[in-house]
């Protein structure tokens, strides 16, 4: 299952713009084979980055995953259409932001609420300790470690 759709792309581009981006200079026909290829590259990047952190592929992708997939798909569409030409700054920013979000999700800084944790996800830590178990209260600890009282 793809994480984004052509409808998501049409949320960012007009039909004419998307048709031109997929190779139709007249702007009338969207080349869905090209959008599918770009989306496959985008989703493969997502899966490879999040493998282990979450069970992939996602069956019900989070809205953040849909957004990342859309951004990476746009990046790959530009790469396919314009080859080695310099990319517009906005497209580079989409790519960089999407990769930063993926890194944050992979490291555990961001959490996908509805996703199933994978085999490499951090364990849930529970403890029975409380502040009552402390030998020294917070005032004593703050005096040693630069708390507000120092």
Protein backbone atom coordinates (compact mmCIF):
# COMPACT_ATOMS: atom_id res chain seq x y z
CA UNK A 1 0.00 0.00 0.00
CA UNK A 2 1.36 3.39 -0.98
CA UNK A 3 1.63 5.96 1.79
CA UNK A 4 0.46 8.87 -0.35
CA UNK A 5 -1.69 9.27 -3.44
CA UNK A 6 -1.95 11.49 -6.49
CA UNK A 7 -4.70 13.33 -4.61
CA UNK A 8 -2.07 14.29 -2.02
CA UNK A 9 0.13 15.60 -4.84
CA UNK A 10 -2.80 17.57 -6.24
CA UNK A 11 -3.07 19.22 -2.84
CA UNK A 12 0.31 20.81 -3.59
CA UNK A 13 0.09 21.28 -7.37
CA UNK A 14 -2.58 22.08 -9.90
CA UNK A 15 -3.41 19.31 -12.34
CA UNK A 16 -1.60 21.23 -15.08
CA UNK A 17 1.55 21.69 -12.96
CA UNK A 18 1.61 18.00 -12.03
CA UNK A 19 1.12 16.97 -15.66
CA UNK A 20 4.07 19.16 -16.69
CA UNK A 21 6.17 17.79 -13.83
CA UNK A 22 5.47 14.26 -15.04
CA UNK A 23 6.63 15.03 -18.57
CA UNK A 24 3.62 16.38 -20.47
CA UNK A 25 4.67 19.80 -21.79
CA UNK A 26 1.07 20.63 -22.68
CA UNK A 27 -0.03 20.13 -19.06
CA UNK A 28 -3.03 17.97 -19.91
CA UNK A 29 -2.16 14.39 -18.88
CA UNK A 30 -0.56 13.27 -15.62
CA UNK A 31 1.84 10.36 -16.17
CA UNK A 32 0.73 8.11 -13.31
CA UNK A 33 3.52 5.63 -14.04
CA UNK A 34 5.97 8.39 -13.20
CA UNK A 35 4.15 9.43 -10.04
CA UNK A 36 3.99 5.76 -9.01
CA UNK A 37 7.74 5.36 -9.53
CA UNK A 38 8.54 8.50 -7.54
CA UNK A 39 6.17 7.36 -4.77
CA UNK A 40 7.79 3.90 -4.67
CA UNK A 41 11.19 5.54 -4.19
CA UNK A 42 9.78 7.77 -1.45
CA UNK A 43 8.06 4.93 0.38
CA UNK A 44 11.15 2.72 0.10
CA UNK A 45 13.13 5.48 1.82
CA UNK A 46 10.55 5.66 4.61
CA UNK A 47 10.51 1.88 5.06
CA UNK A 48 14.30 1.57 5.04
CA UNK A 49 14.70 4.35 7.59
CA UNK A 50 12.02 3.14 9.99
CA UNK A 51 12.65 -0.61 9.68
CA UNK A 52 12.96 -1.99 13.18
CA UNK A 53 11.59 1.09 14.90
CA UNK A 54 8.12 0.28 13.57
CA UNK A 55 6.52 -2.69 11.89
CA UNK A 56 6.53 -1.80 8.23
CA UNK A 57 5.01 -1.41 5.75
CA UNK A 58 2.41 0.69 7.54
CA UNK A 59 -1.12 -0.55 6.90
CA UNK A 60 -2.74 2.68 8.11
CA UNK A 61 -0.08 5.38 7.64
CA UNK A 62 -0.04 8.24 10.12
CA UNK A 63 -0.69 11.71 8.65
CA UNK A 64 2.98 12.53 9.21
CA UNK A 65 4.02 9.53 7.10
CA UNK A 66 1.61 10.63 4.34
CA UNK A 67 3.16 14.11 4.41
CA UNK A 68 6.72 12.73 4.33
CA UNK A 69 5.78 10.41 1.46
CA UNK A 70 4.27 13.32 -0.46
CA UNK A 71 7.34 15.52 0.08
CA UNK A 72 9.75 12.78 -0.98
CA UNK A 73 7.56 11.92 -3.98
CA UNK A 74 7.70 15.55 -5.11
CA UNK A 75 11.47 15.51 -4.70
CA UNK A 76 11.80 12.36 -6.81
CA UNK A 77 9.44 13.74 -9.49
CA UNK A 78 11.70 16.77 -9.85
CA UNK A 79 14.78 14.53 -9.96
CA UNK A 80 13.22 12.34 -12.65
CA UNK A 81 12.02 15.27 -14.78
CA UNK A 82 14.99 17.60 -14.45
CA UNK A 83 17.83 15.13 -13.96
CA UNK A 84 21.02 16.75 -12.79
CA UNK A 85 19.80 20.34 -13.02
CA UNK A 86 19.86 22.25 -9.72
CA UNK A 87 16.63 21.79 -7.79
CA UNK A 88 14.53 24.72 -6.60
CA UNK A 89 15.26 25.68 -2.99
CA UNK A 90 11.67 24.84 -1.97
CA UNK A 91 12.06 21.26 -3.26
CA UNK A 92 15.40 20.86 -1.48
CA UNK A 93 13.73 22.09 1.70
CA UNK A 94 10.94 19.48 1.31
CA UNK A 95 13.58 16.78 0.98
CA UNK A 96 15.68 17.96 3.92
CA UNK A 97 12.68 18.39 6.22
CA UNK A 98 11.31 14.96 5.31
CA UNK A 99 14.66 13.31 6.01
CA UNK A 100 15.01 15.17 9.31
CA UNK A 101 11.55 14.01 10.37
CA UNK A 102 12.45 10.42 9.43
CA UNK A 103 15.65 10.65 11.49
CA UNK A 104 13.68 12.03 14.45
CA UNK A 105 11.13 9.23 14.18
CA UNK A 106 13.86 6.61 13.82
CA UNK A 107 15.76 7.93 16.86
CA UNK A 108 12.61 8.05 18.97
CA UNK A 109 12.45 11.85 19.28
CA UNK A 110 9.12 11.75 17.41
CA UNK A 111 6.53 9.06 17.97
CA UNK A 112 3.89 7.79 15.56
CA UNK A 113 0.89 7.25 17.80
CA UNK A 114 -1.04 4.67 15.82
CA UNK A 115 1.92 2.65 14.53
CA UNK A 116 2.95 -0.75 15.84
CA UNK A 117 6.41 -0.71 17.45
CA UNK A 118 8.99 -2.90 15.74
CA UNK A 119 11.63 -5.19 17.18
CA UNK A 120 14.14 -2.37 17.62
CA UNK A 121 11.84 0.06 19.40
CA UNK A 122 12.86 1.14 22.88
CA UNK A 123 11.44 -0.96 25.70
CA UNK A 124 8.76 0.42 27.97
CA UNK A 125 10.41 1.23 31.29
CA UNK A 126 8.40 1.02 34.45
CA UNK A 127 9.65 1.62 37.96
CA UNK A 128 8.30 1.35 41.44
CA UNK A 129 10.54 4.10 42.74
CA UNK A 130 9.12 7.31 44.05
CA UNK A 131 10.45 10.47 45.65
CA UNK A 132 9.83 8.86 49.03
CA UNK A 133 12.66 6.38 48.35
CA UNK A 134 15.31 9.11 48.26
CA UNK A 135 18.00 9.26 50.88
CA UNK A 136 18.60 12.95 50.21
CA UNK A 137 15.81 15.38 49.39
CA UNK A 138 15.90 17.68 46.38
CA UNK A 139 17.30 20.61 48.37
CA UNK A 140 20.41 18.62 49.31
CA UNK A 141 20.79 17.29 45.76
CA UNK A 142 20.40 20.77 44.28
CA UNK A 143 23.22 22.09 46.48
CA UNK A 144 25.57 19.49 44.98
CA UNK A 145 24.45 19.71 41.37
CA UNK A 146 23.85 23.41 40.80
CA UNK A 147 20.18 23.67 41.65
CA UNK A 148 18.32 26.88 42.27
CA UNK A 149 19.55 27.18 45.88
CA UNK A 150 23.23 27.46 44.94
